[in-house]
Amino acid sequence: MMIPFDKLLHLTVGMVIAALVVILTGSLVLAGAAVLLAGAGRELYDAYHPDTNTVDIWDVVATCAGWIPVALAVRIFQG
C-alpha cells in the first residue's frame, strides 16, 4: 500500500515543525501542541477555501504523526 504524497508532505511538515520547536524550546509538549495547531489550522484554512482545497482529518493525523520520530530521536539522544 502506497502512502499518498500529500500525507507524506503533511508528515514531513509535522516533523520540521516539531524539530524546530524542540530546538527552540527544548519541550516535546510544546512541539506536540505546535504540530497539532499547525495541522488543525491548515484544515481550518482548507475549510474556508473549498474551491481550491479539501478538508481531510487524515491530513491532521499525518501532520501530528510527524511529532513521533522527533520525540523518539529526542528520547534516544537525551538518554
N, C-alpha and C. Protein backbone atom coordinates (compact mmCIF):
# COMPACT_ATOMS: atom_id res chain seq x y z
N MET A 1 0.85 -1.19 0.00
CA MET A 1 0.00 0.00 0.00
C MET A 1 0.88 1.24 0.00
N MET A 2 0.64 2.10 -0.93
CA MET A 2 1.41 3.33 -1.04
C MET A 2 0.77 4.43 -0.20
N ILE A 3 1.61 5.18 0.48
CA ILE A 3 1.13 6.34 1.23
C ILE A 3 1.03 7.50 0.25
N PRO A 4 -0.12 8.17 0.19
CA PRO A 4 -0.27 9.29 -0.75
C PRO A 4 0.77 10.39 -0.49
N PHE A 5 1.23 10.98 -1.58
CA PHE A 5 2.25 12.03 -1.49
C PHE A 5 1.81 13.16 -0.57
N ASP A 6 0.54 13.52 -0.61
CA ASP A 6 0.00 14.59 0.24
C ASP A 6 0.22 14.28 1.72
N LYS A 7 -0.01 13.04 2.10
CA LYS A 7 0.17 12.66 3.51
C LYS A 7 1.64 12.68 3.90
N LEU A 8 2.53 12.30 2.97
CA LEU A 8 3.96 12.38 3.24
C LEU A 8 4.41 13.83 3.44
N LEU A 9 3.81 14.74 2.67
CA LEU A 9 4.12 16.16 2.87
C LEU A 9 3.67 16.63 4.25
N HIS A 10 2.49 16.22 4.65
CA HIS A 10 1.99 16.59 5.98
C HIS A 10 2.90 16.03 7.08
N LEU A 11 3.30 14.78 6.92
CA LEU A 11 4.20 14.15 7.88
C LEU A 11 5.52 14.91 7.97
N THR A 12 6.07 15.27 6.82
CA THR A 12 7.35 15.99 6.77
C THR A 12 7.23 17.36 7.42
N VAL A 13 6.17 18.07 7.13
CA VAL A 13 5.96 19.39 7.74
C VAL A 13 5.82 19.25 9.25
N GLY A 14 5.10 18.23 9.70
CA GLY A 14 4.96 17.99 11.14
C GLY A 14 6.31 17.72 11.79
N MET A 15 7.16 16.96 11.12
CA MET A 15 8.50 16.67 11.66
C MET A 15 9.33 17.94 11.76
N VAL A 16 9.28 18.76 10.72
CA VAL A 16 10.06 20.00 10.72
C VAL A 16 9.59 20.94 11.83
N ILE A 17 8.28 21.10 11.94
CA ILE A 17 7.74 21.96 13.00
C ILE A 17 8.14 21.44 14.37
N ALA A 18 7.97 20.14 14.60
CA ALA A 18 8.31 19.56 15.90
C ALA A 18 9.79 19.75 16.20
N ALA A 19 10.64 19.49 15.23
CA ALA A 19 12.08 19.63 15.44
C ALA A 19 12.46 21.07 15.76
N LEU A 20 11.89 22.01 15.04
CA LEU A 20 12.20 23.43 15.30
C LEU A 20 11.76 23.84 16.70
N VAL A 21 10.57 23.42 17.10
CA VAL A 21 10.08 23.79 18.43
C VAL A 21 10.94 23.16 19.51
N VAL A 22 11.34 21.91 19.32
CA VAL A 22 12.21 21.26 20.31
C VAL A 22 13.55 21.98 20.38
N ILE A 23 14.10 22.34 19.24
CA ILE A 23 15.38 23.06 19.22
C ILE A 23 15.26 24.40 19.93
N LEU A 24 14.17 25.11 19.67
CA LEU A 24 14.00 26.45 20.24
C LEU A 24 13.59 26.44 21.71
N THR A 25 12.80 25.44 22.11
CA THR A 25 12.25 25.46 23.48
C THR A 25 12.72 24.29 24.34
N GLY A 26 13.14 23.21 23.72
CA GLY A 26 13.52 22.02 24.47
C GLY A 26 12.33 21.22 24.99
N SER A 27 11.13 21.55 24.54
CA SER A 27 9.93 20.93 25.07
C SER A 27 9.22 20.07 24.02
N LEU A 28 9.07 18.78 24.33
CA LEU A 28 8.29 17.91 23.45
C LEU A 28 6.80 18.21 23.54
N VAL A 29 6.36 18.67 24.69
CA VAL A 29 4.95 19.00 24.85
C VAL A 29 4.58 20.19 23.97
N LEU A 30 5.40 21.22 24.00
CA LEU A 30 5.14 22.38 23.13
C LEU A 30 5.25 21.99 21.66
N ALA A 31 6.18 21.10 21.34
CA ALA A 31 6.32 20.63 19.96
C ALA A 31 5.03 19.92 19.52
N GLY A 32 4.49 19.08 20.39
CA GLY A 32 3.24 18.39 20.07
C GLY A 32 2.09 19.36 19.89
N ALA A 33 2.03 20.36 20.75
CA ALA A 33 0.96 21.36 20.63
C ALA A 33 1.10 22.16 19.34
N ALA A 34 2.32 22.51 18.99
CA ALA A 34 2.56 23.28 17.77
C ALA A 34 2.18 22.48 16.53
N VAL A 35 2.50 21.20 16.53
CA VAL A 35 2.17 20.35 15.39
C VAL A 35 0.65 20.19 15.27
N LEU A 36 -0.01 19.98 16.39
CA LEU A 36 -1.47 19.87 16.37
C LEU A 36 -2.11 21.17 15.89
N LEU A 37 -1.62 22.28 16.38
CA LEU A 37 -2.15 23.58 15.96
C LEU A 37 -1.94 23.81 14.47
N ALA A 38 -0.76 23.46 13.97
CA ALA A 38 -0.47 23.63 12.55
C ALA A 38 -1.37 22.75 11.69
N GLY A 39 -1.52 21.49 12.08
CA GLY A 39 -2.36 20.58 11.31
C GLY A 39 -3.82 21.00 11.30
N ALA A 40 -4.34 21.33 12.47
CA ALA A 40 -5.74 21.76 12.57
C ALA A 40 -5.94 23.11 11.89
N GLY A 41 -4.96 23.99 12.03
CA GLY A 41 -5.04 25.30 11.40
C GLY A 41 -5.09 25.20 9.88
N ARG A 42 -4.29 24.30 9.33
CA ARG A 42 -4.29 24.11 7.88
C ARG A 42 -5.64 23.60 7.41
N GLU A 43 -6.22 22.69 8.14
CA GLU A 43 -7.52 22.16 7.74
C GLU A 43 -8.62 23.21 7.92
N LEU A 44 -8.49 24.06 8.91
CA LEU A 44 -9.44 25.17 9.06
C LEU A 44 -9.33 26.11 7.86
N TYR A 45 -8.11 26.39 7.45
CA TYR A 45 -7.88 27.20 6.24
C TYR A 45 -8.56 26.53 5.05
N ASP A 46 -8.33 25.23 4.90
CA ASP A 46 -8.93 24.50 3.79
C ASP A 46 -10.45 24.58 3.81
N ALA A 47 -11.04 24.55 5.00
CA ALA A 47 -12.49 24.62 5.12
C ALA A 47 -13.04 25.94 4.60
N TYR A 48 -12.27 27.00 4.73
CA TYR A 48 -12.71 28.31 4.27
C TYR A 48 -12.33 28.58 2.82
N HIS A 49 -11.66 27.63 2.18
CA HIS A 49 -11.28 27.76 0.77
C HIS A 49 -11.64 26.48 0.01
N PRO A 50 -12.94 26.13 -0.01
CA PRO A 50 -13.34 24.85 -0.61
C PRO A 50 -13.17 24.80 -2.12
N ASP A 51 -13.02 25.95 -2.75
CA ASP A 51 -12.85 25.96 -4.20
C ASP A 51 -11.48 25.42 -4.62
N THR A 52 -10.49 25.54 -3.75
CA THR A 52 -9.14 25.09 -4.09
C THR A 52 -8.59 24.03 -3.13
N ASN A 53 -9.28 23.77 -2.02
CA ASN A 53 -8.78 22.83 -1.01
C ASN A 53 -9.90 21.93 -0.51
N THR A 54 -9.50 20.78 0.02
CA THR A 54 -10.47 19.88 0.63
C THR A 54 -10.03 19.60 2.07
N VAL A 55 -11.00 19.46 2.94
CA VAL A 55 -10.74 19.16 4.34
C VAL A 55 -10.62 17.64 4.48
N ASP A 56 -9.58 17.22 5.18
CA ASP A 56 -9.35 15.79 5.39
C ASP A 56 -8.73 15.60 6.77
N ILE A 57 -9.46 14.95 7.67
CA ILE A 57 -8.97 14.74 9.03
C ILE A 57 -7.68 13.95 9.03
N TRP A 58 -7.47 13.10 8.02
CA TRP A 58 -6.23 12.32 7.94
C TRP A 58 -5.01 13.19 7.66
N ASP A 59 -5.24 14.38 7.11
CA ASP A 59 -4.13 15.33 6.97
C ASP A 59 -3.66 15.80 8.35
N VAL A 60 -4.59 16.03 9.25
CA VAL A 60 -4.23 16.43 10.62
C VAL A 60 -3.48 15.28 11.29
N VAL A 61 -3.97 14.07 11.12
CA VAL A 61 -3.32 12.90 11.71
C VAL A 61 -1.90 12.76 11.17
N ALA A 62 -1.74 12.92 9.86
CA ALA A 62 -0.41 12.80 9.25
C ALA A 62 0.53 13.89 9.75
N THR A 63 0.03 15.11 9.88
CA THR A 63 0.86 16.20 10.40
C THR A 63 1.28 15.91 11.83
N CYS A 64 0.34 15.49 12.65
CA CYS A 64 0.65 15.19 14.05
C CYS A 64 1.60 14.00 14.18
N ALA A 65 1.50 13.06 13.26
CA ALA A 65 2.39 11.89 13.30
C ALA A 65 3.85 12.30 13.12
N GLY A 66 4.09 13.46 12.56
CA GLY A 66 5.46 13.96 12.41
C GLY A 66 6.14 14.20 13.74
N TRP A 67 5.37 14.34 14.80
CA TRP A 67 5.94 14.53 16.14
C TRP A 67 6.61 13.27 16.65
N ILE A 68 6.12 12.12 16.24
CA ILE A 68 6.59 10.85 16.79
C ILE A 68 8.07 10.60 16.54
N PRO A 69 8.57 10.68 15.30
CA PRO A 69 10.00 10.43 15.11
C PRO A 69 10.88 11.45 15.81
N VAL A 70 10.40 12.67 15.92
CA VAL A 70 11.17 13.70 16.63
C VAL A 70 11.23 13.36 18.12
N ALA A 71 10.10 12.98 18.68
CA ALA A 71 10.08 12.60 20.10
C ALA A 71 10.97 11.39 20.37
N LEU A 72 10.93 10.42 19.49
CA LEU A 72 11.79 9.24 19.66
C LEU A 72 13.27 9.63 19.58
N ALA A 73 13.61 10.47 18.63
CA ALA A 73 15.00 10.91 18.49
C ALA A 73 15.46 11.66 19.74
N VAL A 74 14.62 12.53 20.25
CA VAL A 74 14.97 13.28 21.46
C VAL A 74 15.19 12.32 22.62
N ARG A 75 14.30 11.37 22.80
CA ARG A 75 14.42 10.41 23.90
C ARG A 75 15.68 9.56 23.76
N ILE A 76 15.99 9.15 22.55
CA ILE A 76 17.18 8.32 22.32
C ILE A 76 18.47 9.11 22.61
N PHE A 77 18.54 10.33 22.10
CA PHE A 77 19.76 11.11 22.22
C PHE A 77 19.92 11.77 23.59
N GLN A 78 18.82 11.98 24.31
CA GLN A 78 18.92 12.54 25.65
C GLN A 78 19.29 11.46 26.67
N GLY A 79 19.02 10.24 26.32
CA GLY A 79 19.38 9.12 27.20
C GLY A 79 18.40 8.87 28.23
